[in-house]
Amino acid sequence: MSFETIKYELQDNVAVITFNRPEALNALSLQLTKDLFSAVSKAVEDKARAVVLTGEGRAFCSGGDLREMQLMWQKEGRIEAFMEEPLKALHDVILLIRQTPIPFVAAVQGVCAGAGTNFALACDLVFAAENASFNEAFVRIGLSPDCGGSFFLPRAIGEKLAAELFMTGETVSAERAAQFGMINRVVPAENLMTETLLMAQKLALAPTASIGRIKQMLNASFSNNLAQQLDLEHELQIESGKGNDFKEGVQAFFEKRAPNFTGS
């Protein structure tokens, strides 16, 4: 399968998906959105055990494609036309990332703005180069956040800080983002992909079925009350206990060896 605006590579059970519109700072066009959905789906079909999401060139992703928005406005005669099918398609990709039961790691370099920031936050882990910067720039052009920003950001850094970043559109450095708890790690730019792939490969060797259940529990943890979350933990723990990875983990423990997990 080939893509117009995405690079896709499978290496050591890790799917590397790269936004590939460097001339547009990897702005999220409708075609890129469709390619991204297909690439994540292909990672699942290929039985990838982890996914790395990154960008080609000097940006991770600069957010929605304003030029395409303007062209659609001119064609449709309605400024809000881009917020219909294209935005729905973006939100479908966000849901796919969160609901796919394998770990996603974002490798962010350079510009990460608006919806690009929220795509990074939708991943389970975020590694950033020292030259990376993040913002929720929607307010700068009179928009409100999309792509899950209003869900992910306050959970990562708290409501008050999230309100400040949303309401000001302020750009924060990778170092500040790490201090906020917005991202996991800051690394030298030249080491970004090496460090990210090392983490992705480590996760790919883990019991990825368990990681999928961890994602499911984290997705529910802020909306469930304690009793509901305990019920979910009970249900998913039973599922885990039926899996081959639990049997392998216990056997490896008693045999004093490293486990060989298969994600089943």
Protein backbone atom coordinates (compact mmCIF):
# COMPACT_ATOMS: atom_id res chain seq x y z
CA MET A 1 0.00 0.00 0.00
CA SER A 2 1.32 3.44 -0.94
CA PHE A 3 0.33 6.82 0.46
CA GLU A 4 0.43 10.33 -1.01
CA THR A 5 1.23 12.21 2.17
CA ILE A 6 2.48 9.56 4.62
CA LYS A 7 5.60 7.44 4.84
CA TYR A 8 5.04 3.99 6.31
CA GLU A 9 7.72 1.55 7.41
CA LEU A 10 7.57 -1.59 9.52
CA GLN A 11 10.76 -2.45 11.40
CA ASP A 12 11.16 -4.94 14.23
CA ASN A 13 7.39 -5.07 14.85
CA VAL A 14 7.26 -1.25 15.09
CA ALA A 15 5.30 0.71 12.48
CA VAL A 16 6.85 4.13 11.81
CA ILE A 17 4.26 6.53 10.37
CA THR A 18 5.64 9.85 9.15
CA PHE A 19 3.66 12.92 8.13
CA ASN A 20 5.19 13.70 4.72
CA ARG A 21 4.19 17.21 3.66
CA PRO A 22 7.39 19.01 4.72
CA GLU A 23 6.79 21.87 2.31
CA ALA A 24 3.59 22.65 4.25
CA LEU A 25 5.10 21.89 7.68
CA ASN A 26 3.01 18.70 7.61
CA ALA A 27 -0.27 20.60 7.84
CA LEU A 28 -3.27 18.32 8.14
CA SER A 29 -4.95 18.23 4.74
CA LEU A 30 -7.91 15.96 4.02
CA GLN A 31 -5.64 13.65 2.01
CA LEU A 32 -3.12 13.40 4.86
CA THR A 33 -5.96 12.63 7.25
CA LYS A 34 -7.23 9.82 5.03
CA ASP A 35 -3.70 8.47 4.55
CA LEU A 36 -3.09 8.56 8.30
CA PHE A 37 -6.24 6.56 9.02
CA SER A 38 -5.19 4.01 6.40
CA ALA A 39 -1.63 3.85 7.75
CA VAL A 40 -2.79 3.16 11.32
CA SER A 41 -5.17 0.53 9.97
CA LYS A 42 -2.29 -1.03 8.02
CA ALA A 43 -0.18 -1.14 11.19
CA VAL A 44 -2.95 -3.19 12.79
CA GLU A 45 -3.20 -5.47 9.73
CA ASP A 46 0.58 -5.92 9.79
CA LYS A 47 0.34 -6.96 13.45
CA ALA A 48 2.67 -4.16 14.54
CA ARG A 49 3.21 -4.22 18.29
CA ALA A 50 3.95 -0.48 18.58
CA VAL A 51 3.59 2.62 16.43
CA VAL A 52 5.84 5.68 16.16
CA LEU A 53 4.21 8.85 14.82
CA THR A 54 6.55 11.58 13.54
CA GLY A 55 6.96 14.26 10.90
CA GLU A 56 9.27 14.80 7.94
CA GLY A 57 11.38 17.94 7.86
CA ARG A 58 11.43 20.81 10.35
CA ALA A 59 7.97 20.26 11.82
CA PHE A 60 6.03 17.48 13.46
CA CYS A 61 2.72 19.01 12.36
CA SER A 62 1.67 22.66 12.06
CA GLY A 63 -2.05 21.91 12.56
CA GLY A 64 -4.92 22.22 10.11
CA ASP A 65 -4.17 23.24 6.53
CA LEU A 66 -5.38 26.86 6.38
CA ARG A 67 -4.79 27.07 2.62
CA GLU A 68 -7.03 24.07 2.04
CA MET A 69 -9.59 25.60 4.41
CA GLN A 70 -9.59 28.80 2.36
CA LEU A 71 -9.97 26.92 -0.94
CA MET A 72 -12.86 24.89 0.46
CA TRP A 73 -14.45 28.10 1.74
CA GLN A 74 -14.22 29.62 -1.73
CA LYS A 75 -15.58 26.48 -3.40
CA GLU A 76 -18.41 25.81 -0.95
CA GLY A 77 -19.22 29.44 -0.17
CA ARG A 78 -19.20 28.62 3.55
CA ILE A 79 -16.24 29.31 5.80
CA GLU A 80 -17.19 26.47 8.13
CA ALA A 81 -17.12 23.81 5.36
CA PHE A 82 -13.69 22.50 6.47
CA MET A 83 -15.06 21.84 9.95
CA GLU A 84 -17.50 19.25 8.58
CA GLU A 85 -16.13 16.23 6.67
CA PRO A 86 -12.39 17.00 7.12
CA LEU A 87 -12.67 17.64 10.85
CA LYS A 88 -14.84 14.56 11.34
CA ALA A 89 -12.14 12.55 9.51
CA LEU A 90 -9.47 13.96 11.85
CA HIS A 91 -11.53 13.02 14.88
CA ASP A 92 -11.98 9.50 13.51
CA VAL A 93 -8.17 9.15 13.43
CA ILE A 94 -7.87 10.39 17.02
CA LEU A 95 -10.38 7.75 18.13
CA LEU A 96 -8.52 5.09 16.16
CA ILE A 97 -5.24 5.96 17.91
CA ARG A 98 -6.86 5.84 21.34
CA GLN A 99 -8.84 2.65 20.66
CA THR A 100 -6.08 0.66 18.94
CA PRO A 101 -4.75 -1.67 21.65
CA ILE A 102 -1.04 -1.16 21.01
CA PRO A 103 1.26 1.62 22.25
CA PHE A 104 1.74 4.81 20.20
CA VAL A 105 4.84 6.97 20.74
CA ALA A 106 5.09 10.45 19.20
CA ALA A 107 8.52 11.72 18.12
CA VAL A 108 8.14 15.51 17.92
CA GLN A 109 10.64 17.83 16.29
CA GLY A 110 10.31 21.52 15.47
CA VAL A 111 6.84 23.00 15.12
CA CYS A 112 3.96 21.21 16.82
CA ALA A 113 0.90 23.44 16.69
CA GLY A 114 -2.86 23.27 17.12
CA ALA A 115 -4.22 19.94 15.98
CA GLY A 116 -0.61 18.76 15.61
CA THR A 117 -0.14 19.18 19.36
CA ASN A 118 -3.32 17.24 19.98
CA PHE A 119 -2.23 14.39 17.71
CA ALA A 120 0.95 14.15 19.78
CA LEU A 121 -1.08 14.20 23.01
CA ALA A 122 -3.34 11.43 21.66
CA CYS A 123 -0.30 9.14 21.63
CA ASP A 124 0.51 7.18 24.77
CA LEU A 125 4.01 8.63 25.12
CA VAL A 126 5.57 11.79 23.68
CA PHE A 127 9.31 12.24 23.10
CA ALA A 128 10.41 15.67 21.89
CA ALA A 129 13.60 17.11 20.45
CA GLU A 130 15.13 20.06 22.25
CA ASN A 131 14.08 22.25 19.31
CA ALA A 132 10.42 21.27 19.55
CA SER A 133 7.70 23.70 20.56
CA PHE A 134 4.04 23.18 21.32
CA ASN A 135 0.98 25.40 21.19
CA GLU A 136 -2.80 25.32 21.13
CA ALA A 137 -2.98 28.11 18.56
CA PHE A 138 -6.71 27.90 17.78
CA VAL A 139 -7.60 31.08 19.65
CA ARG A 140 -5.15 33.06 17.50
CA ILE A 141 -7.50 32.68 14.53
CA GLY A 142 -10.76 32.73 16.46
CA LEU A 143 -11.28 28.99 16.74
CA SER A 144 -11.79 26.64 19.67
CA PRO A 145 -9.71 23.46 20.14
CA ASP A 146 -10.32 20.26 18.22
CA CYS A 147 -8.74 16.81 17.82
CA GLY A 148 -9.21 16.00 21.50
CA GLY A 149 -7.19 18.89 22.89
CA SER A 150 -9.83 19.83 25.44
CA PHE A 151 -9.78 16.18 26.62
CA PHE A 152 -6.05 15.41 26.62
CA LEU A 153 -4.43 18.64 27.76
CA PRO A 154 -6.26 19.24 31.08
CA ARG A 155 -5.70 15.61 32.00
CA ALA A 156 -1.99 16.01 31.35
CA ILE A 157 -1.30 19.37 33.01
CA GLY A 158 -4.42 20.36 34.96
CA GLU A 159 -7.38 22.58 34.19
CA LYS A 160 -5.85 25.97 35.07
CA LEU A 161 -2.68 25.56 33.02
CA ALA A 162 -4.69 24.12 30.14
CA ALA A 163 -7.04 27.11 30.25
CA GLU A 164 -4.05 29.45 30.02
CA LEU A 165 -2.56 27.66 27.03
CA PHE A 166 -5.91 27.45 25.24
CA MET A 167 -6.93 31.04 25.95
CA THR A 168 -3.58 32.64 25.08
CA GLY A 169 -2.34 30.31 22.33
CA GLU A 170 1.09 30.65 23.97
CA THR A 171 3.93 28.59 22.55
CA VAL A 172 5.87 26.50 25.05
CA SER A 173 9.28 24.93 24.62
CA ALA A 174 9.87 21.21 24.86
CA GLU A 175 11.59 21.77 28.21
CA ARG A 176 8.58 23.62 29.65
CA ALA A 177 6.20 21.04 28.21
CA ALA A 178 8.15 18.34 30.06
CA GLN A 179 8.04 20.37 33.27
CA PHE A 180 4.27 20.68 32.90
CA GLY A 181 3.88 16.92 32.45
CA MET A 182 2.61 17.49 28.91
CA ILE A 183 5.27 15.21 27.38
CA ASN A 184 7.47 12.39 28.64
CA ARG A 185 10.99 13.22 27.60
CA VAL A 186 13.21 15.82 25.90
CA VAL A 187 16.23 14.56 23.96
CA PRO A 188 18.85 16.13 21.66
CA ALA A 189 17.40 16.55 18.17
CA GLU A 190 19.98 14.22 16.62
CA ASN A 191 18.93 11.44 19.02
CA LEU A 192 15.15 11.85 18.72
CA MET A 193 14.35 8.91 16.47
CA THR A 194 16.95 6.65 18.08
CA GLU A 195 15.53 7.24 21.56
CA THR A 196 11.93 6.99 20.36
CA LEU A 197 12.54 3.75 18.50
CA LEU A 198 14.31 2.26 21.50
CA MET A 199 11.23 2.96 23.60
CA ALA A 200 8.86 1.70 20.90
CA GLN A 201 10.87 -1.52 20.53
CA LYS A 202 10.88 -1.98 24.31
CA LEU A 203 7.08 -1.64 24.33
CA ALA A 204 6.77 -3.96 21.32
CA LEU A 205 8.48 -6.69 23.38
CA ALA A 206 6.05 -6.14 26.26
CA PRO A 207 2.69 -7.92 26.68
CA THR A 208 0.90 -5.60 24.26
CA ALA A 209 -2.53 -7.08 25.03
CA SER A 210 -2.01 -5.82 28.58
CA ILE A 211 -0.95 -2.43 27.20
CA GLY A 212 -4.16 -2.31 25.20
CA ARG A 213 -6.14 -2.88 28.39
CA ILE A 214 -4.10 -0.20 30.16
CA LYS A 215 -5.11 2.23 27.39
CA GLN A 216 -8.74 1.21 27.84
CA MET A 217 -8.56 1.84 31.59
CA LEU A 218 -6.82 5.20 31.19
CA ASN A 219 -9.42 6.30 28.64
CA ALA A 220 -12.17 5.55 31.17
CA SER A 221 -10.45 6.67 34.36
CA PHE A 222 -11.55 10.31 34.36
CA SER A 223 -15.21 9.60 33.62
CA ASN A 224 -15.72 6.54 35.83
CA ASN A 225 -16.32 6.77 39.54
CA LEU A 226 -14.17 4.54 41.76
CA ALA A 227 -16.66 1.66 41.80
CA GLN A 228 -16.95 1.72 38.00
CA GLN A 229 -13.18 1.83 37.59
CA LEU A 230 -12.74 -1.08 40.00
CA ASP A 231 -15.33 -3.06 38.01
CA LEU A 232 -13.43 -2.29 34.80
CA GLU A 233 -10.14 -3.32 36.39
CA HIS A 234 -11.76 -6.57 37.55
CA GLU A 235 -13.16 -7.31 34.10
CA LEU A 236 -9.89 -6.57 32.29
CA GLN A 237 -7.76 -8.39 34.84
CA ILE A 238 -9.82 -11.54 34.19
CA GLU A 239 -9.28 -11.07 30.44
CA SER A 240 -5.55 -10.67 31.04
CA GLY A 241 -5.48 -13.78 33.21
CA LYS A 242 -6.88 -15.84 30.36
CA GLY A 243 -4.14 -14.70 28.01
CA ASN A 244 -1.01 -16.52 26.92
CA ASP A 245 1.19 -13.65 28.06
CA PHE A 246 0.12 -14.09 31.68
CA LYS A 247 0.97 -17.78 31.53
CA GLU A 248 4.32 -16.97 29.93
CA GLY A 249 5.05 -14.23 32.47
CA VAL A 250 4.41 -16.54 35.42
CA GLN A 251 6.41 -19.38 33.87
CA ALA A 252 9.33 -17.04 33.13
CA PHE A 253 9.23 -15.75 36.71
CA PHE A 254 9.59 -19.24 38.17
CA GLU A 255 12.24 -20.21 35.60
CA LYS A 256 14.19 -17.00 36.33
CA ARG A 257 14.39 -15.97 32.67
CA ALA A 258 13.18 -13.09 30.52
CA PRO A 259 9.61 -13.65 29.28
CA ASN A 260 8.84 -14.03 25.58
CA PHE A 261 5.56 -12.17 25.21
CA THR A 262 3.48 -12.53 22.04
CA GLY A 263 0.74 -9.97 22.66
CA SER A 264 -1.90 -12.65 23.12
